[in-house]
PDB file of N, CA and C in Angstrom:
ATOM      1  N   MET A   1     123.181  37.783 164.611  1.00  0.00           N
ATOM      2  CA  MET A   1     124.412  38.554 163.752  1.00  0.00           C
ATOM      3  C   MET A   1     123.506  39.495 162.664  1.00  0.00           C
ATOM      4  N   ALA A   2     122.975  38.888 161.889  1.00  0.00           N
ATOM      5  CA  ALA A   2     121.870  40.549 160.449  1.00  0.00           C
ATOM      6  C   ALA A   2     121.234  41.003 162.149  1.00  0.00           C
ATOM      7  N   VAL A   3     120.970  41.329 162.917  1.00  0.00           N
ATOM      8  CA  VAL A   3     120.794  42.659 163.650  1.00  0.00           C
ATOM      9  C   VAL A   3     121.400  43.318 163.696  1.00  0.00           C
ATOM     10  N   LEU A   4     123.169  42.903 164.079  1.00  0.00           N
ATOM     11  CA  LEU A   4     124.012  43.681 164.573  1.00  0.00           C
ATOM     12  C   LEU A   4     123.921  44.235 163.075  1.00  0.00           C
ATOM     13  N   ARG A   5     124.386  43.623 161.871  1.00  0.00           N
ATOM     14  CA  ARG A   5     124.933  44.286 160.774  1.00  0.00           C
ATOM     15  C   ARG A   5     123.955  44.871 160.409  1.00  0.00           C
ATOM     16  N   GLU A   6     122.543  45.062 160.855  1.00  0.00           N
ATOM     17  CA  GLU A   6     121.520  46.149 160.616  1.00  0.00           C
ATOM     18  C   GLU A   6     122.143  47.214 161.001  1.00  0.00           C
ATOM     19  N   ALA A   7     122.202  47.354 162.702  1.00  0.00           N
ATOM     20  CA  ALA A   7     122.716  48.729 163.314  1.00  0.00           C
ATOM     21  C   ALA A   7     123.677  49.170 163.046  1.00  0.00           C
ATOM     22  N   PHE A   8     125.040  48.130 162.543  1.00  0.00           N
ATOM     23  CA  PHE A   8     125.613  48.846 161.235  1.00  0.00           C
ATOM     24  C   PHE A   8     125.667  49.437 160.285  1.00  0.00           C
ATOM     25  N   GLU A   9     124.725  49.329 159.682  1.00  0.00           N
ATOM     26  CA  GLU A   9     124.186  49.651 158.359  1.00  0.00           C
ATOM     27  C   GLU A   9     123.368  51.396 158.662  1.00  0.00           C
ATOM     28  N   LYS A  10     122.735  50.948 159.849  1.00  0.00           N
ATOM     29  CA  LYS A  10     121.834  52.189 159.999  1.00  0.00           C
ATOM     30  C   LYS A  10     123.060  53.314 160.488  1.00  0.00           C
ATOM     31  N   LEU A  11     123.531  53.062 161.398  1.00  0.00           N
ATOM     32  CA  LEU A  11     124.523  54.267 161.814  1.00  0.00           C
ATOM     33  C   LEU A  11     125.276  54.499 160.340  1.00  0.00           C
ATOM     34  N   ALA A  12     125.722  53.730 159.797  1.00  0.00           N
ATOM     35  CA  ALA A  12     126.203  54.418 158.202  1.00  0.00           C
ATOM     36  C   ALA A  12     125.728  55.395 157.987  1.00  0.00           C
ATOM     37  N   GLY A  13     124.132  54.673 157.797  1.00  0.00           N
ATOM     38  CA  GLY A  13     123.583  55.985 157.076  1.00  0.00           C
ATOM     39  C   GLY A  13     122.899  56.911 157.544  1.00  0.00           C
ATOM     40  N   ASP A  14     123.552  57.273 159.238  1.00  0.00           N
ATOM     41  CA  ASP A  14     122.598  58.054 159.784  1.00  0.00           C
ATOM     42  C   ASP A  14     124.179  59.494 159.267  1.00  0.00           C
ATOM     43  N   PRO A  15     122.870  60.366 159.460  1.00  0.00           N
ATOM     44  CA  PRO A  15     123.575  61.902 159.192  1.00  0.00           C
ATOM     45  C   PRO A  15     124.730  62.273 160.625  1.00  0.00           C
ATOM     46  N   ARG A  16     125.538  62.707 159.941  1.00  0.00           N
ATOM     47  CA  ARG A  16     126.834  62.219 161.068  1.00  0.00           C
ATOM     48  C   ARG A  16     126.439  63.430 162.323  1.00  0.00           C
ATOM     49  N   PRO A  17     127.047  63.613 163.287  1.00  0.00           N
ATOM     50  CA  PRO A  17     126.834  64.024 164.739  1.00  0.00           C
ATOM     51  C   PRO A  17     127.630  65.746 164.351  1.00  0.00           C
ATOM     52  N   THR A  18     127.066  66.383 164.419  1.00  0.00           N
ATOM     53  CA  THR A  18     127.324  67.827 164.589  1.00  0.00           C
ATOM     54  C   THR A  18     127.304  68.708 165.688  1.00  0.00           C
ATOM     55  N   ALA A  19     128.126  69.868 165.914  1.00  0.00           N
ATOM     56  CA  ALA A  19     128.161  70.554 166.918  1.00  0.00           C
ATOM     57  C   ALA A  19     129.061  72.203 167.207  1.00  0.00           C
ATOM     58  N   THR A  20     128.179  72.818 167.651  1.00  0.00           N
ATOM     59  CA  THR A  20     128.736  74.413 167.365  1.00  0.00           C
ATOM     60  C   THR A  20     129.153  74.939 168.549  1.00  0.00           C
ATOM     61  N   LEU A  21     130.569  75.645 168.086  1.00  0.00           N
ATOM     62  CA  LEU A  21     131.143  76.030 169.159  1.00  0.00           C
ATOM     63  C   LEU A  21     131.538  77.449 169.448  1.00  0.00           C
ATOM     64  N   THR A  22     131.317  78.328 170.421  1.00  0.00           N
ATOM     65  CA  THR A  22     131.440  79.555 170.446  1.00  0.00           C
ATOM     66  C   THR A  22     132.682  79.906 170.187  1.00  0.00           C
ATOM     67  N   VAL A  23     133.354  80.681 169.448  1.00  0.00           N
ATOM     68  CA  VAL A  23     134.792  81.419 169.084  1.00  0.00           C
ATOM     69  C   VAL A  23     135.033  82.534 169.135  1.00  0.00           C
ATOM     70  N   SER A  24     135.304  83.418 170.386  1.00  0.00           N
ATOM     71  CA  SER A  24     135.449  84.485 170.682  1.00  0.00           C
ATOM     72  C   SER A  24     136.694  85.179 169.605  1.00  0.00           C
ATOM     73  N   GLU A  25     137.155  84.888 169.532  1.00  0.00           N
ATOM     74  CA  GLU A  25     138.011  85.615 168.497  1.00  0.00           C
ATOM     75  C   GLU A  25     137.324  85.398 167.064  1.00  0.00           C
ATOM     76  N   LEU A  26     136.693  84.976 166.947  1.00  0.00           N
ATOM     77  CA  LEU A  26     135.870  85.311 165.336  1.00  0.00           C
ATOM     78  C   LEU A  26     134.124  85.902 165.707  1.00  0.00           C
ATOM     79  N   GLY A  27     134.500  86.072 166.699  1.00  0.00           N
ATOM     80  CA  GLY A  27     133.054  87.055 167.229  1.00  0.00           C
ATOM     81  C   GLY A  27     131.801  86.079 166.530  1.00  0.00           C
ATOM     82  N   GLY A  28     131.887  84.454 167.172  1.00  0.00           N
ATOM     83  CA  GLY A  28     131.071  84.208 166.814  1.00  0.00           C
ATOM     84  C   GLY A  28     130.748  82.474 166.775  1.00  0.00           C
ATOM     85  N   GLU A  29     129.733  81.645 166.067  1.00  0.00           N
ATOM     86  CA  GLU A  29     130.238  80.255 166.572  1.00  0.00           C
ATOM     87  C   GLU A  29     130.548  79.541 165.039  1.00  0.00           C
ATOM     88  N   VAL A  30     131.032  78.358 165.522  1.00  0.00           N
ATOM     89  CA  VAL A  30     131.341  77.592 164.476  1.00  0.00           C
ATOM     90  C   VAL A  30     130.930  76.415 164.471  1.00  0.00           C
ATOM     91  N   ARG A  31     130.252  75.572 162.968  1.00  0.00           N
ATOM     92  CA  ARG A  31     129.793  74.712 163.269  1.00  0.00           C
ATOM     93  C   ARG A  31     130.666  73.625 162.480  1.00  0.00           C
ATOM     94  N   VAL A  32     130.898  72.290 163.322  1.00  0.00           N
ATOM     95  CA  VAL A  32     131.431  71.162 162.765  1.00  0.00           C
ATOM     96  C   VAL A  32     130.903  69.954 162.523  1.00  0.00           C
ATOM     97  N   GLN A  33     131.565  68.807 161.886  1.00  0.00           N
ATOM     98  CA  GLN A  33     130.982  67.485 161.754  1.00  0.00           C
ATOM     99  C   GLN A  33     131.780  67.246 162.076  1.00  0.00           C
ATOM    100  N   ALA A  34     131.536  65.074 162.553  1.00  0.00           N
ATOM    101  CA  ALA A  34     132.455  64.542 163.105  1.00  0.00           C
ATOM    102  C   ALA A  34     132.696  64.030 161.748  1.00  0.00           C
ATOM    103  N   PHE A  35     134.110  63.130 162.366  1.00  0.00           N
ATOM    104  CA  PHE A  35     135.065  62.386 161.297  1.00  0.00           C
ATOM    105  C   PHE A  35     133.892  61.364 160.833  1.00  0.00           C
ATOM    106  N   THR A  36     133.549  60.491 160.194  1.00  0.00           N
ATOM    107  CA  THR A  36     133.954  59.072 159.729  1.00  0.00           C
ATOM    108  C   THR A  36     134.834  58.474 159.677  1.00  0.00           C
ATOM    109  N   ALA A  37     135.313  56.871 159.491  1.00  0.00           N
ATOM    110  CA  ALA A  37     136.285  56.314 159.290  1.00  0.00           C
ATOM    111  C   ALA A  37     136.996  56.976 158.573  1.00  0.00           C
ATOM    112  N   LEU A  38     136.157  57.186 156.744  1.00  0.00           N
ATOM    113  CA  LEU A  38     137.485  57.437 155.925  1.00  0.00           C
ATOM    114  C   LEU A  38     137.801  58.780 155.758  1.00  0.00           C
ATOM    115  N   ASP A  39     137.034  59.759 156.865  1.00  0.00           N
ATOM    116  CA  ASP A  39     137.572  61.119 157.518  1.00  0.00           C
ATOM    117  C   ASP A  39     139.063  61.168 157.953  1.00  0.00           C
ATOM    118  N   HIS A  40     138.950  59.850 158.935  1.00  0.00           N
ATOM    119  CA  HIS A  40     139.506  59.820 159.808  1.00  0.00           C
ATOM    120  C   HIS A  40     141.211  59.259 159.556  1.00  0.00           C
ATOM    121  N   ALA A  41     140.808  58.760 158.198  1.00  0.00           N
ATOM    122  CA  ALA A  41     141.823  57.666 157.701  1.00  0.00           C
ATOM    123  C   ALA A  41     142.727  58.487 156.927  1.00  0.00           C
ATOM    124  N   LEU A  42     141.877  59.605 156.161  1.00  0.00           N
ATOM    125  CA  LEU A  42     142.376  60.459 154.724  1.00  0.00           C
ATOM    126  C   LEU A  42     142.835  61.868 155.643  1.00  0.00           C
ATOM    127  N   TYR A  43     142.443  62.004 156.932  1.00  0.00           N
ATOM    128  CA  TYR A  43     143.119  63.159 157.579  1.00  0.00           C
ATOM    129  C   TYR A  43     144.744  62.293 157.837  1.00  0.00           C
ATOM    130  N   ILE A  44     145.233  61.389 158.198  1.00  0.00           N
ATOM    131  CA  ILE A  44     145.859  60.828 159.570  1.00  0.00           C
ATOM    132  C   ILE A  44     146.973  60.547 157.903  1.00  0.00           C
ATOM    133  N   SER A  45     146.282  59.924 157.125  1.00  0.00           N
ATOM    134  CA  SER A  45     147.243  60.025 155.842  1.00  0.00           C
ATOM    135  C   SER A  45     147.614  60.962 154.994  1.00  0.00           C
ATOM    136  N   SER A  46     147.504  62.399 155.139  1.00  0.00           N
ATOM    137  CA  SER A  46     147.704  63.639 155.091  1.00  0.00           C
ATOM    138  C   SER A  46     148.680  64.120 155.713  1.00  0.00           C
ATOM    139  N   LEU A  47     148.817  63.707 156.622  1.00  0.00           N
ATOM    140  CA  LEU A  47     150.218  64.258 157.749  1.00  0.00           C
ATOM    141  C   LEU A  47     151.674  63.236 157.519  1.00  0.00           C
ATOM    142  N   SER A  48     151.203  62.126 156.400  1.00  0.00           N
ATOM    143  CA  SER A  48     152.378  61.315 156.364  1.00  0.00           C
ATOM    144  C   SER A  48     153.377  62.010 154.921  1.00  0.00           C
ATOM    145  N   ASP A  49     154.404  61.612 154.206  1.00  0.00           N
ATOM    146  CA  ASP A  49     154.554  61.818 152.920  1.00  0.00           C
ATOM    147  C   ASP A  49     154.594  60.796 152.201  1.00  0.00           C
ATOM    148  N   GLU A  50     154.221  60.414 150.746  1.00  0.00           N
ATOM    149  CA  GLU A  50     154.741  58.950 149.925  1.00  0.00           C
ATOM    150  C   GLU A  50     154.913  57.510 150.641  1.00  0.00           C
ATOM    151  N   GLU A  51     156.015  58.097 151.223  1.00  0.00           N
ATOM    152  CA  GLU A  51     156.097  57.086 151.880  1.00  0.00           C
ATOM    153  C   GLU A  51     155.615  56.206 152.906  1.00  0.00           C
ATOM    154  N   GLY A  52     155.270  57.454 153.611  1.00  0.00           N
ATOM    155  CA  GLY A  52     154.167  57.190 154.828  1.00  0.00           C
ATOM    156  C   GLY A  52     154.856  57.518 156.265  1.00  0.00           C
ATOM    157  N   LYS A  53     155.968  58.429 155.625  1.00  0.00           N
ATOM    158  CA  LYS A  53     156.940  58.813 157.308  1.00  0.00           C
ATOM    159  C   LYS A  53     155.604  60.351 157.352  1.00  0.00           C
ATOM    160  N   LEU A  54     156.083  60.341 158.986  1.00  0.00           N
ATOM    161  CA  LEU A  54     155.291  61.331 159.464  1.00  0.00           C
ATOM    162  C   LEU A  54     156.137  62.719 158.742  1.00  0.00           C
ATOM    163  N   LEU A  55     155.326  63.833 158.163  1.00  0.00           N
ATOM    164  CA  LEU A  55     155.629  64.731 157.608  1.00  0.00           C
ATOM    165  C   LEU A  55     156.585  65.645 158.743  1.00  0.00           C
ATOM    166  N   PRO A  56     157.790  66.657 158.279  1.00  0.00           N
ATOM    167  CA  PRO A  56     158.237  67.431 159.445  1.00  0.00           C
ATOM    168  C   PRO A  56     156.589  68.811 160.428  1.00  0.00           C
ATOM    169  N   PRO A  57     157.030  68.947 161.150  1.00  0.00           N
ATOM    170  CA  PRO A  57     155.709  69.630 161.921  1.00  0.00           C
ATOM    171  C   PRO A  57     155.477  70.710 160.761  1.00  0.00           C
ATOM    172  N   ARG A  58     156.470  71.561 160.434  1.00  0.00           N
ATOM    173  CA  ARG A  58     155.518  72.621 159.321  1.00  0.00           C
ATOM    174  C   ARG A  58     154.959  72.235 158.517  1.00  0.00           C
ATOM    175  N   GLU A  59     155.243  71.641 157.527  1.00  0.00           N
ATOM    176  CA  GLU A  59     154.600  70.408 157.143  1.00  0.00           C
ATOM    177  C   GLU A  59     153.580  69.745 157.178  1.00  0.00           C
ATOM    178  N   ARG A  60     153.380  70.028 158.613  1.00  0.00           N
ATOM    179  CA  ARG A  60     151.616  68.954 158.322  1.00  0.00           C
ATOM    180  C   ARG A  60     150.877  69.665 158.200  1.00  0.00           C
ATOM    181  N   LYS A  61     150.471  70.997 159.217  1.00  0.00           N
ATOM    182  CA  LYS A  61     149.063  71.848 159.088  1.00  0.00           C
ATOM    183  C   LYS A  61     148.620  70.369 159.704  1.00  0.00           C
ATOM    184  N   LYS A  62     148.344  70.057 160.569  1.00  0.00           N
ATOM    185  CA  LYS A  62     147.757  68.903 161.336  1.00  0.00           C
ATOM    186  C   LYS A  62     146.465  70.081 161.273  1.00  0.00           C
ATOM    187  N   LEU A  63     146.357  70.794 162.619  1.00  0.00           N
ATOM    188  CA  LEU A  63     144.778  71.480 162.563  1.00  0.00           C
ATOM    189  C   LEU A  63     144.429  72.678 161.870  1.00  0.00           C
ATOM    190  N   GLU A  64     145.081  72.827 160.513  1.00  0.00           N
ATOM    191  CA  GLU A  64     144.563  73.319 159.474  1.00  0.00           C
ATOM    192  C   GLU A  64     143.430  72.661 158.859  1.00  0.00           C
ATOM    193  N   LYS A  65     144.285  71.244 158.278  1.00  0.00           N
ATOM    194  CA  LYS A  65     144.025  70.541 157.774  1.00  0.00           C
ATOM    195  C   LYS A  65     142.386  69.560 158.451  1.00  0.00           C
ATOM    196  N   LEU A  66     143.064  69.129 159.622  1.00  0.00           N
ATOM    197  CA  LEU A  66     141.191  68.911 160.300  1.00  0.00           C
ATOM    198  C   LEU A  66     140.012  69.981 159.808  1.00  0.00           C
ATOM    199  N   ALA A  67     140.779  71.027 160.261  1.00  0.00           N
ATOM    200  CA  ALA A  67     139.114  72.229 159.839  1.00  0.00           C
ATOM    201  C   ALA A  67     138.779  72.078 158.772  1.00  0.00           C
ATOM    202  N   VAL A  68     139.832  71.795 157.732  1.00  0.00           N
ATOM    203  CA  VAL A  68     139.100  72.068 156.069  1.00  0.00           C
ATOM    204  C   VAL A  68     138.002  70.572 156.586  1.00  0.00           C
ATOM    205  N   ARG A  69     138.241  69.726 156.713  1.00  0.00           N
ATOM    206  CA  ARG A  69     138.063  68.699 157.017  1.00  0.00           C
ATOM    207  C   ARG A  69     136.665  68.642 157.771  1.00  0.00           C
ATOM    208  N   ALA A  70     136.512  69.426 158.705  1.00  0.00           N
ATOM    209  CA  ALA A  70     135.262  69.206 159.869  1.00  0.00           C
ATOM    210  C   ALA A  70     134.671  70.456 159.635  1.00  0.00           C
ATOM    211  N   VAL A  71     135.290  72.032 159.678  1.00  0.00           N
ATOM    212  CA  VAL A  71     134.495  73.056 159.246  1.00  0.00           C
ATOM    213  C   VAL A  71     133.040  72.476 157.786  1.00  0.00           C
ATOM    214  N   ILE A  72     132.227  73.246 158.626  1.00  0.00           N
ATOM    215  CA  ILE A  72     130.751  73.171 157.801  1.00  0.00           C
ATOM    216  C   ILE A  72     130.055  74.164 157.815  1.00  0.00           C
ATOM    217  N   ASP A  73     128.992  74.842 157.069  1.00  0.00           N
ATOM    218  CA  ASP A  73     128.133  76.334 157.253  1.00  0.00           C
ATOM    219  C   ASP A  73     126.917  75.579 157.102  1.00  0.00           C
ATOM    220  N   ASP A  74     125.988  76.154 157.430  1.00  0.00           N
ATOM    221  CA  ASP A  74     124.373  76.241 158.014  1.00  0.00           C
ATOM    222  C   ASP A  74     123.838  75.269 157.184  1.00  0.00           C
ATOM    223  N   ASP A  75     124.301  74.838 155.599  1.00  0.00           N
ATOM    224  CA  ASP A  75     124.358  73.968 155.081  1.00  0.00           C
ATOM    225  C   ASP A  75     124.821  72.202 154.945  1.00  0.00           C
ATOM    226  N   GLY A  76     125.373  72.452 155.787  1.00  0.00           N
ATOM    227  CA  GLY A  76     125.942  70.883 156.612  1.00  0.00           C
ATOM    228  C   GLY A  76     127.283  71.189 155.200  1.00  0.00           C
ATOM    229  N   LYS A  77     127.552  72.266 154.349  1.00  0.00           N
ATOM    230  CA  LYS A  77     128.474  71.752 153.280  1.00  0.00           C
ATOM    231  C   LYS A  77     129.897  72.239 153.992  1.00  0.00           C
ATOM    232  N   LYS A  78     131.228  71.636 153.655  1.00  0.00           N
ATOM    233  CA  LYS A  78     132.556  72.035 154.125  1.00  0.00           C
ATOM    234  C   LYS A  78     132.767  73.461 153.741  1.00  0.00           C
ATOM    235  N   LEU A  79     132.961  74.091 154.374  1.00  0.00           N
ATOM    236  CA  LEU A  79     133.792  75.780 154.539  1.00  0.00           C
ATOM    237  C   LEU A  79     134.686  75.962 153.584  1.00  0.00           C
ATOM    238  N   PHE A  80     135.719  75.011 153.835  1.00  0.00           N
ATOM    239  CA  PHE A  80     137.266  75.163 153.243  1.00  0.00           C
ATOM    240  C   PHE A  80     137.518  74.553 152.268  1.00  0.00           C
ATOM    241  N   THR A  81     138.537  74.860 151.595  1.00  0.00           N
ATOM    242  CA  THR A  81     139.233  74.213 151.126  1.00  0.00           C
ATOM    243  C   THR A  81     140.772  73.513 151.263  1.00  0.00           C
ATOM    244  N   LYS A  82     141.231  72.847 150.667  1.00  0.00           N
ATOM    245  CA  LYS A  82     142.387  72.514 150.989  1.00  0.00           C
ATOM    246  C   LYS A  82     143.655  74.224 150.350  1.00  0.00           C
ATOM    247  N   ASP A  83     142.974  74.758 150.061  1.00  0.00           N
ATOM    248  CA  ASP A  83     143.154  75.926 148.908  1.00  0.00           C
ATOM    249  C   ASP A  83     143.191  77.230 150.334  1.00  0.00           C
ATOM    250  N   ASP A  84     142.359  77.321 150.946  1.00  0.00           N
ATOM    251  CA  ASP A  84     142.376  77.570 152.542  1.00  0.00           C
ATOM    252  C   ASP A  84     144.056  77.207 153.520  1.00  0.00           C
ATOM    253  N   LEU A  85     144.500  76.576 153.728  1.00  0.00           N
ATOM    254  CA  LEU A  85     145.235  75.766 154.371  1.00  0.00           C
ATOM    255  C   LEU A  85     146.521  76.926 154.693  1.00  0.00           C
ATOM    256  N   ASP A  86     146.870  78.271 153.425  1.00  0.00           N
ATOM    257  CA  ASP A  86     147.320  78.988 154.082  1.00  0.00           C
ATOM    258  C   ASP A  86     146.724  79.787 154.929  1.00  0.00           C
ATOM    259  N   MET A  87     145.908  80.150 154.511  1.00  0.00           N
ATOM    260  CA  MET A  87     144.559  81.214 155.580  1.00  0.00           C
ATOM    261  C   MET A  87     144.838  80.535 156.685  1.00  0.00           C
ATOM    262  N   LEU A  88     144.150  79.636 157.078  1.00  0.00           N
ATOM    263  CA  LEU A  88     144.281  79.221 158.131  1.00  0.00           C
ATOM    264  C   LEU A  88     144.839  78.843 158.512  1.00  0.00           C
ATOM    265  N   SER A  89     146.713  79.152 159.015  1.00  0.00           N
ATOM    266  CA  SER A  89     147.721  78.865 159.171  1.00  0.00           C
ATOM    267  C   SER A  89     148.230  80.533 160.136  1.00  0.00           C
ATOM    268  N   ARG A  90     146.957  81.146 159.597  1.00  0.00           N
ATOM    269  CA  ARG A  90     147.487  82.495 159.687  1.00  0.00           C
ATOM    270  C   ARG A  90     146.458  82.743 160.872  1.00  0.00           C
ATOM    271  N   LEU A  91     145.930  82.072 161.459  1.00  0.00           N
ATOM    272  CA  LEU A  91     144.772  82.021 162.359  1.00  0.00           C
ATOM    273  C   LEU A  91     145.695  81.764 163.543  1.00  0.00           C
ATOM    274  N   PRO A  92     144.626  82.838 165.084  1.00  0.00           N
ATOM    275  CA  PRO A  92     145.701  82.279 166.464  1.00  0.00           C
ATOM    276  C   PRO A  92     145.238  80.592 166.373  1.00  0.00           C
ATOM    277  N   ALA A  93     146.774  80.162 166.683  1.00  0.00           N
ATOM    278  CA  ALA A  93     146.365  78.595 167.600  1.00  0.00           C
ATOM    279  C   ALA A  93     145.298  78.032 167.950  1.00  0.00           C
ATOM    280  N   GLY A  94     144.861  78.782 169.159  1.00  0.00           N
ATOM    281  CA  GLY A  94     143.863  78.611 170.142  1.00  0.00           C
ATOM    282  C   GLY A  94     142.569  78.412 169.302  1.00  0.00           C
ATOM    283  N   VAL A  95     142.516  79.165 168.274  1.00  0.00           N
ATOM    284  CA  VAL A  95     141.571  78.989 168.218  1.00  0.00           C
ATOM    285  C   VAL A  95     141.252  77.532 166.806  1.00  0.00           C
ATOM    286  N   LEU A  96     142.205  77.247 166.264  1.00  0.00           N
ATOM    287  CA  LEU A  96     142.316  75.488 165.518  1.00  0.00           C
ATOM    288  C   LEU A  96     142.090  75.036 166.778  1.00  0.00           C
ATOM    289  N   ASN A  97     143.104  74.997 167.809  1.00  0.00           N
ATOM    290  CA  ASN A  97     142.941  73.756 168.842  1.00  0.00           C
ATOM    291  C   ASN A  97     141.168  73.515 169.823  1.00  0.00           C
ATOM    292  N   GLN A  98     140.478  74.985 169.322  1.00  0.00           N
ATOM    293  CA  GLN A  98     139.099  74.824 170.450  1.00  0.00           C
ATOM    294  C   GLN A  98     138.714  73.425 169.319  1.00  0.00           C
ATOM    295  N   ILE A  99     138.701  73.911 167.742  1.00  0.00           N
ATOM    296  CA  ILE A  99     137.871  73.505 166.696  1.00  0.00           C
ATOM    297  C   ILE A  99     138.235  71.970 166.890  1.00  0.00           C
ATOM    298  N   GLN A 100     139.403  71.542 167.185  1.00  0.00           N
ATOM    299  CA  GLN A 100     140.163  69.748 167.278  1.00  0.00           C
ATOM    300  C   GLN A 100     139.801  69.539 168.194  1.00  0.00           C
ATOM    301  N   ASP A 101     139.507  70.047 168.956  1.00  0.00           N
ATOM    302  CA  ASP A 101     138.588  69.537 170.605  1.00  0.00           C
ATOM    303  C   ASP A 101     137.575  69.103 170.383  1.00  0.00           C
ATOM    304  N   LYS A 102     136.772  70.062 169.722  1.00  0.00           N
ATOM    305  CA  LYS A 102     135.243  69.405 169.412  1.00  0.00           C
ATOM    306  C   LYS A 102     135.313  68.611 168.726  1.00  0.00           C
ATOM    307  N   VAL A 103     136.304  68.613 167.275  1.00  0.00           N
ATOM    308  CA  VAL A 103     135.451  67.595 166.504  1.00  0.00           C
ATOM    309  C   VAL A 103     136.107  65.992 166.952  1.00  0.00           C
ATOM    310  N   SER A 104     137.468  66.524 167.624  1.00  0.00           N
ATOM    311  CA  SER A 104     137.478  64.705 168.754  1.00  0.00           C
ATOM    312  C   SER A 104     137.123  64.441 169.731  1.00  0.00           C
ATOM    313  N   LYS A 105     135.868  65.074 170.118  1.00  0.00           N
ATOM    314  CA  LYS A 105     134.841  64.756 171.354  1.00  0.00           C
ATOM    315  C   LYS A 105     133.777  64.213 170.774  1.00  0.00           C
ATOM    316  N   ILE A 106     133.254  64.876 169.388  1.00  0.00           N
ATOM    317  CA  ILE A 106     131.866  64.036 168.746  1.00  0.00           C
ATOM    318  C   ILE A 106     132.373  62.938 167.462  1.00  0.00           C
ATOM    319  N   SER A 107     133.475  63.165 167.408  1.00  0.00           N
ATOM    320  CA  SER A 107     133.798  61.836 166.682  1.00  0.00           C
ATOM    321  C   SER A 107     134.882  60.612 167.327  1.00  0.00           C
ATOM    322  N   GLY A 108     135.085  61.315 168.492  1.00  0.00           N
ATOM    323  CA  GLY A 108     135.539  59.628 169.404  1.00  0.00           C
ATOM    324  C   GLY A 108     136.900  59.560 169.108  1.00  0.00           C
ATOM    325  N   PHE A 109     137.596  60.637 168.942  1.00  0.00           N
ATOM    326  CA  PHE A 109     139.601  60.039 168.420  1.00  0.00           C
ATOM    327  C   PHE A 109     139.941  60.464 169.194  1.00  0.00           C
ATOM    328  N   ASN A 110     141.713  60.398 169.425  1.00  0.00           N
ATOM    329  CA  ASN A 110     142.370  61.276 170.520  1.00  0.00           C
ATOM    330  C   ASN A 110     142.979  62.284 169.403  1.00  0.00           C
ATOM    331  N   PRO A 111     142.522  63.429 170.915  1.00  0.00           N
ATOM    332  CA  PRO A 111     142.818  64.781 169.768  1.00  0.00           C
ATOM    333  C   PRO A 111     144.336  65.221 170.071  1.00  0.00           C
ATOM    334  N   ASP A 112     145.231  63.646 170.872  1.00  0.00           N
ATOM    335  CA  ASP A 112     146.732  63.892 170.116  1.00  0.00           C
ATOM    336  C   ASP A 112     147.348  62.750 169.374  1.00  0.00           C
ATOM    337  N   LEU A 113     146.644  62.514 168.044  1.00  0.00           N
ATOM    338  CA  LEU A 113     146.498  61.462 167.266  1.00  0.00           C
ATOM    339  C   LEU A 113     148.599  61.832 166.672  1.00  0.00           C
ATOM    340  N   GLU A 114     148.703  62.910 166.808  1.00  0.00           N
ATOM    341  CA  GLU A 114     150.257  63.572 166.593  1.00  0.00           C
ATOM    342  C   GLU A 114     151.066  62.261 167.059  1.00  0.00           C
ATOM    343  N   ALA A 115     150.804  62.631 168.417  1.00  0.00           N
ATOM    344  CA  ALA A 115     151.558  61.965 169.355  1.00  0.00           C
ATOM    345  C   ALA A 115     151.570  60.858 168.890  1.00  0.00           C
ATOM    346  N   ASP A 116     150.886  59.905 168.298  1.00  0.00           N
ATOM    347  CA  ASP A 116     150.657  58.535 168.795  1.00  0.00           C
ATOM    348  C   ASP A 116     151.163  58.216 167.613  1.00  0.00           C
ATOM    349  N   LEU A 117     151.348  58.838 165.847  1.00  0.00           N
ATOM    350  CA  LEU A 117     151.795  59.227 164.796  1.00  0.00           C
ATOM    351  C   LEU A 117     152.820  59.031 165.192  1.00  0.00           C
ATOM    352  N   GLU A 118     153.538  59.962 166.167  1.00  0.00           N
ATOM    353  CA  GLU A 118     155.350  60.176 166.234  1.00  0.00           C
ATOM    354  C   GLU A 118     155.659  58.350 166.882  1.00  0.00           C
ATOM    355  N   ASP A 119     155.013  58.484 167.666  1.00  0.00           N
ATOM    356  CA  ASP A 119     155.268  57.114 168.404  1.00  0.00           C
ATOM    357  C   ASP A 119     155.366  55.781 167.563  1.00  0.00           C
ATOM    358  N   ARG A 120     154.918  55.361 166.620  1.00  0.00           N
ATOM    359  CA  ARG A 120     154.779  54.654 165.621  1.00  0.00           C
ATOM    360  C   ARG A 120     155.690  54.520 164.999  1.00  0.00           C
ATOM    361  N   GLU A 121     155.524  55.484 164.416  1.00  0.00           N
ATOM    362  CA  GLU A 121     156.671  55.816 163.739  1.00  0.00           C
ATOM    363  C   GLU A 121     158.846  55.708 164.031  1.00  0.00           C
ATOM    364  N   LYS A 122     158.621  55.954 165.555  1.00  0.00           N
ATOM    365  CA  LYS A 122     159.894  55.562 166.439  1.00  0.00           C
ATOM    366  C   LYS A 122     159.806  53.667 166.760  1.00  0.00           C
ATOM    367  N   ASN A 123     158.966  53.002 166.657  1.00  0.00           N
ATOM    368  CA  ASN A 123     159.181  51.882 166.579  1.00  0.00           C
ATOM    369  C   ASN A 123     159.105  50.885 165.360  1.00  0.00           C
TER     370      ASN A 123
END
C-alpha cells in the first residue's frame, strides 16, 4: 500500500498535462491545461444553483466556464477570469467546442458532462 500511496502523491505533485491546439478562427494556437479533480468539481458546481439544481442553459455558460478554467498563457497562468465570460460568450461556438474537446481528452472526463448532469437531475 505504501508504494501505491507514493504513486498517488507523485502524480498529485506532477505538473498538469497541457496541450496546444490550432484554432484557425483565432489565427493561432491555444494552450490548455488538464483539469484536476478539484477543477472538475468546481466546474460542475458552477453549472448549478445554490440548491444544486442545474442552471437553465442560457445561464450555465458551460463552454465559457471551461475556457476560463483551462486556457493558459505561455507561462502556465490562466488567460481568462470569470469577468471574461461575456466576451467568451460572443465567440463562435466551434472555437469553444474545440477547447472543450481538447480539455476533455487530456483530463480524461466525459465531454458530454452536461447530459450526464441533466440525466442525474431527472432521476
